[in-house]
């Protein structure tokens, strides 16, 4: 659980910024987004394969650009 104590003479904006940073680093926000809706295993696999294809295609283009 992320928790931030507001220091003396600290503005609320600064405390909120520290809180958001702590949430980001702990991975709470990422996990909450993953649980927003159910994703079927087949859809997860399809997404992962598409990401893999995009990465492979990008790597190939970069390699070809180096050869030129």
PDB file of N, CA and C in Angstrom:
ATOM      1  N   UNK A   1       0.835  -1.165   0.000  1.00  0.00           N
ATOM      2  CA  UNK A   1       0.000   0.000   0.000  1.00  0.00           C
ATOM      3  C   UNK A   1       0.887   1.238   0.000  1.00  0.00           C
ATOM      4  N   UNK A   2       0.647   2.122  -0.923  1.00  0.00           N
ATOM      5  CA  UNK A   2       1.431   3.353  -1.016  1.00  0.00           C
ATOM      6  C   UNK A   2       0.881   4.386  -0.039  1.00  0.00           C
ATOM      7  N   UNK A   3       1.780   5.068   0.617  1.00  0.00           N
ATOM      8  CA  UNK A   3       1.366   6.043   1.606  1.00  0.00           C
ATOM      9  C   UNK A   3       2.373   7.183   1.625  1.00  0.00           C
ATOM     10  N   UNK A   4       1.869   8.413   1.686  1.00  0.00           N
ATOM     11  CA  UNK A   4       2.736   9.584   1.705  1.00  0.00           C
ATOM     12  C   UNK A   4       2.287  10.491   2.846  1.00  0.00           C
ATOM     13  N   UNK A   5       3.222  10.911   3.664  1.00  0.00           N
ATOM     14  CA  UNK A   5       2.930  11.852   4.745  1.00  0.00           C
ATOM     15  C   UNK A   5       3.278  13.253   4.242  1.00  0.00           C
ATOM     16  N   UNK A   6       2.353  14.169   4.386  1.00  0.00           N
ATOM     17  CA  UNK A   6       2.589  15.538   3.947  1.00  0.00           C
ATOM     18  C   UNK A   6       3.503  16.205   4.968  1.00  0.00           C
ATOM     19  N   UNK A   7       4.619  16.728   4.482  1.00  0.00           N
ATOM     20  CA  UNK A   7       5.599  17.379   5.351  1.00  0.00           C
ATOM     21  C   UNK A   7       5.153  18.806   5.666  1.00  0.00           C
ATOM     22  N   UNK A   8       5.765  19.360   6.665  1.00  0.00           N
ATOM     23  CA  UNK A   8       5.458  20.748   7.021  1.00  0.00           C
ATOM     24  C   UNK A   8       5.889  21.663   5.890  1.00  0.00           C
ATOM     25  N   UNK A   9       5.088  22.669   5.612  1.00  0.00           N
ATOM     26  CA  UNK A   9       5.366  23.653   4.550  1.00  0.00           C
ATOM     27  C   UNK A   9       5.459  23.016   3.169  1.00  0.00           C
ATOM     28  N   UNK A  10       4.832  21.861   2.980  1.00  0.00           N
ATOM     29  CA  UNK A  10       4.824  21.214   1.666  1.00  0.00           C
ATOM     30  C   UNK A  10       3.444  21.409   1.052  1.00  0.00           C
ATOM     31  N   UNK A  11       3.437  21.824  -0.184  1.00  0.00           N
ATOM     32  CA  UNK A  11       2.149  22.039  -0.830  1.00  0.00           C
ATOM     33  C   UNK A  11       1.491  20.698  -1.147  1.00  0.00           C
ATOM     34  N   UNK A  12       0.205  20.735  -1.320  1.00  0.00           N
ATOM     35  CA  UNK A  12      -0.547  19.525  -1.637  1.00  0.00           C
ATOM     36  C   UNK A  12      -0.130  18.978  -3.007  1.00  0.00           C
ATOM     37  N   UNK A  13       0.186  19.882  -3.922  1.00  0.00           N
ATOM     38  CA  UNK A  13       0.624  19.452  -5.258  1.00  0.00           C
ATOM     39  C   UNK A  13       1.915  18.639  -5.186  1.00  0.00           C
ATOM     40  N   UNK A  14       2.846  19.070  -4.356  1.00  0.00           N
ATOM     41  CA  UNK A  14       4.109  18.348  -4.221  1.00  0.00           C
ATOM     42  C   UNK A  14       3.887  16.970  -3.599  1.00  0.00           C
ATOM     43  N   UNK A  15       3.019  16.926  -2.582  1.00  0.00           N
ATOM     44  CA  UNK A  15       2.724  15.646  -1.932  1.00  0.00           C
ATOM     45  C   UNK A  15       2.031  14.705  -2.911  1.00  0.00           C
ATOM     46  N   UNK A  16       1.119  15.246  -3.711  1.00  0.00           N
ATOM     47  CA  UNK A  16       0.422  14.435  -4.705  1.00  0.00           C
ATOM     48  C   UNK A  16       1.392  13.898  -5.754  1.00  0.00           C
ATOM     49  N   UNK A  17       2.345  14.729  -6.139  1.00  0.00           N
ATOM     50  CA  UNK A  17       3.351  14.308  -7.109  1.00  0.00           C
ATOM     51  C   UNK A  17       4.196  13.162  -6.546  1.00  0.00           C
ATOM     52  N   UNK A  18       4.570  13.247  -5.263  1.00  0.00           N
ATOM     53  CA  UNK A  18       5.330  12.167  -4.634  1.00  0.00           C
ATOM     54  C   UNK A  18       4.498  10.888  -4.548  1.00  0.00           C
ATOM     55  N   UNK A  19       3.216  11.059  -4.235  1.00  0.00           N
ATOM     56  CA  UNK A  19       2.319   9.910  -4.140  1.00  0.00           C
ATOM     57  C   UNK A  19       2.189   9.203  -5.493  1.00  0.00           C
ATOM     58  N   UNK A  20       1.983   9.972  -6.555  1.00  0.00           N
ATOM     59  CA  UNK A  20       1.854   9.392  -7.897  1.00  0.00           C
ATOM     60  C   UNK A  20       3.127   8.654  -8.302  1.00  0.00           C
ATOM     61  N   UNK A  21       4.274   9.236  -7.962  1.00  0.00           N
ATOM     62  CA  UNK A  21       5.555   8.602  -8.287  1.00  0.00           C
ATOM     63  C   UNK A  21       5.691   7.277  -7.541  1.00  0.00           C
ATOM     64  N   UNK A  22       5.280   7.269  -6.279  1.00  0.00           N
ATOM     65  CA  UNK A  22       5.356   6.051  -5.472  1.00  0.00           C
ATOM     66  C   UNK A  22       4.418   4.975  -6.025  1.00  0.00           C
ATOM     67  N   UNK A  23       3.229   5.366  -6.439  1.00  0.00           N
ATOM     68  CA  UNK A  23       2.265   4.433  -7.040  1.00  0.00           C
ATOM     69  C   UNK A  23       2.851   3.833  -8.318  1.00  0.00           C
ATOM     70  N   UNK A  24       3.449   4.682  -9.144  1.00  0.00           N
ATOM     71  CA  UNK A  24       4.038   4.238 -10.416  1.00  0.00           C
ATOM     72  C   UNK A  24       5.152   3.227 -10.172  1.00  0.00           C
ATOM     73  N   UNK A  25       6.033   3.517  -9.224  1.00  0.00           N
ATOM     74  CA  UNK A  25       7.168   2.643  -8.956  1.00  0.00           C
ATOM     75  C   UNK A  25       6.749   1.309  -8.361  1.00  0.00           C
ATOM     76  N   UNK A  26       5.685   1.308  -7.570  1.00  0.00           N
ATOM     77  CA  UNK A  26       5.258   0.064  -6.932  1.00  0.00           C
ATOM     78  C   UNK A  26       4.477  -0.835  -7.889  1.00  0.00           C
ATOM     79  N   UNK A  27       4.019  -0.286  -9.013  1.00  0.00           N
ATOM     80  CA  UNK A  27       3.306  -1.092 -10.000  1.00  0.00           C
ATOM     81  C   UNK A  27       1.822  -1.251  -9.711  1.00  0.00           C
ATOM     82  N   UNK A  28       1.304  -0.507  -8.758  1.00  0.00           N
ATOM     83  CA  UNK A  28      -0.109  -0.612  -8.404  1.00  0.00           C
ATOM     84  C   UNK A  28      -0.989  -0.162  -9.566  1.00  0.00           C
ATOM     85  N   UNK A  29      -0.609   0.921 -10.204  1.00  0.00           N
ATOM     86  CA  UNK A  29      -1.406   1.464 -11.303  1.00  0.00           C
ATOM     87  C   UNK A  29      -1.459   0.489 -12.475  1.00  0.00           C
ATOM     88  N   UNK A  30      -0.321  -0.111 -12.787  1.00  0.00           N
ATOM     89  CA  UNK A  30      -0.262  -1.066 -13.898  1.00  0.00           C
ATOM     90  C   UNK A  30      -1.162  -2.270 -13.619  1.00  0.00           C
ATOM     91  N   UNK A  31      -1.091  -2.752 -12.393  1.00  0.00           N
ATOM     92  CA  UNK A  31      -1.906  -3.904 -12.017  1.00  0.00           C
ATOM     93  C   UNK A  31      -3.392  -3.570 -12.062  1.00  0.00           C
ATOM     94  N   UNK A  32      -3.753  -2.378 -11.625  1.00  0.00           N
ATOM     95  CA  UNK A  32      -5.158  -1.967 -11.645  1.00  0.00           C
ATOM     96  C   UNK A  32      -5.671  -1.894 -13.082  1.00  0.00           C
ATOM     97  N   UNK A  33      -4.855  -1.405 -13.987  1.00  0.00           N
ATOM     98  CA  UNK A  33      -5.270  -1.321 -15.390  1.00  0.00           C
ATOM     99  C   UNK A  33      -5.444  -2.709 -16.000  1.00  0.00           C
ATOM    100  N   UNK A  34      -4.601  -3.641 -15.583  1.00  0.00           N
ATOM    101  CA  UNK A  34      -4.719  -5.006 -16.097  1.00  0.00           C
ATOM    102  C   UNK A  34      -6.017  -5.667 -15.644  1.00  0.00           C
ATOM    103  N   UNK A  35      -6.521  -5.272 -14.478  1.00  0.00           N
ATOM    104  CA  UNK A  35      -7.724  -5.887 -13.924  1.00  0.00           C
ATOM    105  C   UNK A  35      -9.006  -5.123 -14.273  1.00  0.00           C
ATOM    106  N   UNK A  36      -8.903  -4.111 -15.132  1.00  0.00           N
ATOM    107  CA  UNK A  36     -10.093  -3.343 -15.485  1.00  0.00           C
ATOM    108  C   UNK A  36     -11.120  -4.198 -16.215  1.00  0.00           C
ATOM    109  N   UNK A  37     -10.659  -5.072 -17.068  1.00  0.00           N
ATOM    110  CA  UNK A  37     -11.575  -5.955 -17.791  1.00  0.00           C
ATOM    111  C   UNK A  37     -10.874  -7.280 -18.067  1.00  0.00           C
ATOM    112  N   UNK A  38     -11.676  -8.302 -18.232  1.00  0.00           N
ATOM    113  CA  UNK A  38     -11.125  -9.636 -18.466  1.00  0.00           C
ATOM    114  C   UNK A  38     -10.681  -9.749 -19.913  1.00  0.00           C
ATOM    115  N   UNK A  39      -9.522 -10.361 -20.098  1.00  0.00           N
ATOM    116  CA  UNK A  39      -9.007 -10.597 -21.447  1.00  0.00           C
ATOM    117  C   UNK A  39      -8.805 -12.098 -21.610  1.00  0.00           C
ATOM    118  N   UNK A  40      -9.429 -12.637 -22.643  1.00  0.00           N
ATOM    119  CA  UNK A  40      -9.328 -14.070 -22.868  1.00  0.00           C
ATOM    120  C   UNK A  40      -7.881 -14.455 -23.161  1.00  0.00           C
ATOM    121  N   UNK A  41      -7.470 -15.651 -22.762  1.00  0.00           N
ATOM    122  CA  UNK A  41      -6.103 -16.094 -23.020  1.00  0.00           C
ATOM    123  C   UNK A  41      -5.746 -16.061 -24.510  1.00  0.00           C
ATOM    124  N   UNK A  42      -6.715 -16.389 -25.358  1.00  0.00           N
ATOM    125  CA  UNK A  42      -6.430 -16.367 -26.800  1.00  0.00           C
ATOM    126  C   UNK A  42      -6.153 -14.939 -27.268  1.00  0.00           C
ATOM    127  N   UNK A  43      -6.869 -13.958 -26.705  1.00  0.00           N
ATOM    128  CA  UNK A  43      -6.623 -12.561 -27.064  1.00  0.00           C
ATOM    129  C   UNK A  43      -5.262 -12.102 -26.561  1.00  0.00           C
ATOM    130  N   UNK A  44      -4.882 -12.531 -25.356  1.00  0.00           N
ATOM    131  CA  UNK A  44      -3.555 -12.192 -24.825  1.00  0.00           C
ATOM    132  C   UNK A  44      -2.468 -12.730 -25.736  1.00  0.00           C
ATOM    133  N   UNK A  45      -2.635 -13.999 -26.155  1.00  0.00           N
ATOM    134  CA  UNK A  45      -1.641 -14.642 -27.011  1.00  0.00           C
ATOM    135  C   UNK A  45      -1.554 -13.917 -28.357  1.00  0.00           C
ATOM    136  N   UNK A  46      -2.708 -13.560 -28.914  1.00  0.00           N
ATOM    137  CA  UNK A  46      -2.740 -12.853 -30.197  1.00  0.00           C
ATOM    138  C   UNK A  46      -2.032 -11.503 -30.085  1.00  0.00           C
ATOM    139  N   UNK A  47      -2.274 -10.795 -28.984  1.00  0.00           N
ATOM    140  CA  UNK A  47      -1.618  -9.505 -28.766  1.00  0.00           C
ATOM    141  C   UNK A  47      -0.107  -9.655 -28.654  1.00  0.00           C
ATOM    142  N   UNK A  48       0.323 -10.683 -27.914  1.00  0.00           N
ATOM    143  CA  UNK A  48       1.756 -10.919 -27.730  1.00  0.00           C
ATOM    144  C   UNK A  48       2.423 -11.270 -29.057  1.00  0.00           C
ATOM    145  N   UNK A  49       1.758 -12.080 -29.864  1.00  0.00           N
ATOM    146  CA  UNK A  49       2.318 -12.449 -31.164  1.00  0.00           C
ATOM    147  C   UNK A  49       2.420 -11.237 -32.082  1.00  0.00           C
ATOM    148  N   UNK A  50       1.411 -10.378 -32.050  1.00  0.00           N
ATOM    149  CA  UNK A  50       1.445  -9.166 -32.873  1.00  0.00           C
ATOM    150  C   UNK A  50       2.579  -8.251 -32.432  1.00  0.00           C
ATOM    151  N   UNK A  51       2.783  -8.123 -31.134  1.00  0.00           N
ATOM    152  CA  UNK A  51       3.874  -7.292 -30.629  1.00  0.00           C
ATOM    153  C   UNK A  51       5.223  -7.869 -31.048  1.00  0.00           C
ATOM    154  N   UNK A  52       5.318  -9.191 -31.019  1.00  0.00           N
ATOM    155  CA  UNK A  52       6.550  -9.857 -31.435  1.00  0.00           C
ATOM    156  C   UNK A  52       6.831  -9.593 -32.916  1.00  0.00           C
ATOM    157  N   UNK A  53       5.785  -9.689 -33.736  1.00  0.00           N
ATOM    158  CA  UNK A  53       5.956  -9.420 -35.176  1.00  0.00           C
ATOM    159  C   UNK A  53       6.404  -7.982 -35.414  1.00  0.00           C
ATOM    160  N   UNK A  54       5.770  -7.032 -34.697  1.00  0.00           N
ATOM    161  CA  UNK A  54       6.150  -5.621 -34.861  1.00  0.00           C
ATOM    162  C   UNK A  54       7.605  -5.406 -34.474  1.00  0.00           C
ATOM    163  N   UNK A  55       8.031  -6.016 -33.376  1.00  0.00           N
ATOM    164  CA  UNK A  55       9.413  -5.853 -32.921  1.00  0.00           C
ATOM    165  C   UNK A  55      10.387  -6.460 -33.927  1.00  0.00           C
ATOM    166  N   UNK A  56      10.065  -7.658 -34.413  1.00  0.00           N
ATOM    167  CA  UNK A  56      10.929  -8.318 -35.390  1.00  0.00           C
ATOM    168  C   UNK A  56      11.049  -7.478 -36.660  1.00  0.00           C
ATOM    169  N   UNK A  57       9.918  -6.939 -37.127  1.00  0.00           N
ATOM    170  CA  UNK A  57       9.908  -6.119 -38.334  1.00  0.00           C
ATOM    171  C   UNK A  57      10.746  -4.847 -38.123  1.00  0.00           C
ATOM    172  N   UNK A  58      10.601  -4.248 -36.954  1.00  0.00           N
ATOM    173  CA  UNK A  58      11.365  -3.042 -36.633  1.00  0.00           C
ATOM    174  C   UNK A  58      12.864  -3.346 -36.589  1.00  0.00           C
ATOM    175  N   UNK A  59      13.222  -4.465 -35.958  1.00  0.00           N
ATOM    176  CA  UNK A  59      14.631  -4.850 -35.876  1.00  0.00           C
ATOM    177  C   UNK A  59      15.219  -5.108 -37.262  1.00  0.00           C
ATOM    178  N   UNK A  60      14.422  -5.738 -38.130  1.00  0.00           N
ATOM    179  CA  UNK A  60      14.908  -6.004 -39.497  1.00  0.00           C
ATOM    180  C   UNK A  60      15.144  -4.706 -40.248  1.00  0.00           C
ATOM    181  N   UNK A  61      14.224  -3.740 -40.109  1.00  0.00           N
ATOM    182  CA  UNK A  61      14.395  -2.457 -40.796  1.00  0.00           C
ATOM    183  C   UNK A  61      15.638  -1.734 -40.287  1.00  0.00           C
ATOM    184  N   UNK A  62      15.874  -1.789 -38.992  1.00  0.00           N
ATOM    185  CA  UNK A  62      17.061  -1.136 -38.421  1.00  0.00           C
ATOM    186  C   UNK A  62      18.338  -1.797 -38.932  1.00  0.00           C
ATOM    187  N   UNK A  63      18.329  -3.129 -39.042  1.00  0.00           N
ATOM    188  CA  UNK A  63      19.494  -3.846 -39.531  1.00  0.00           C
ATOM    189  C   UNK A  63      19.764  -3.511 -40.992  1.00  0.00           C
ATOM    190  N   UNK A  64      18.710  -3.400 -41.783  1.00  0.00           N
ATOM    191  CA  UNK A  64      18.877  -3.049 -43.198  1.00  0.00           C
ATOM    192  C   UNK A  64      19.382  -1.624 -43.345  1.00  0.00           C
ATOM    193  N   UNK A  65      18.948  -0.758 -42.486  1.00  0.00           N
ATOM    194  CA  UNK A  65      19.390   0.643 -42.554  1.00  0.00           C
ATOM    195  C   UNK A  65      20.882   0.739 -42.224  1.00  0.00           C
ATOM    196  N   UNK A  66      21.359  -0.117 -41.321  1.00  0.00           N
ATOM    197  CA  UNK A  66      22.782  -0.107 -40.986  1.00  0.00           C
ATOM    198  C   UNK A  66      23.637  -0.592 -42.148  1.00  0.00           C
ATOM    199  N   UNK A  67      23.102  -1.502 -42.950  1.00  0.00           N
ATOM    200  CA  UNK A  67      23.858  -2.051 -44.064  1.00  0.00           C
ATOM    201  C   UNK A  67      24.009  -1.050 -45.192  1.00  0.00           C
ATOM    202  N   UNK A  68      23.111  -0.117 -45.281  1.00  0.00           N
ATOM    203  CA  UNK A  68      23.147   0.851 -46.395  1.00  0.00           C
ATOM    204  C   UNK A  68      24.154   1.913 -46.174  1.00  0.00           C
TER     205      UNK A  68
END
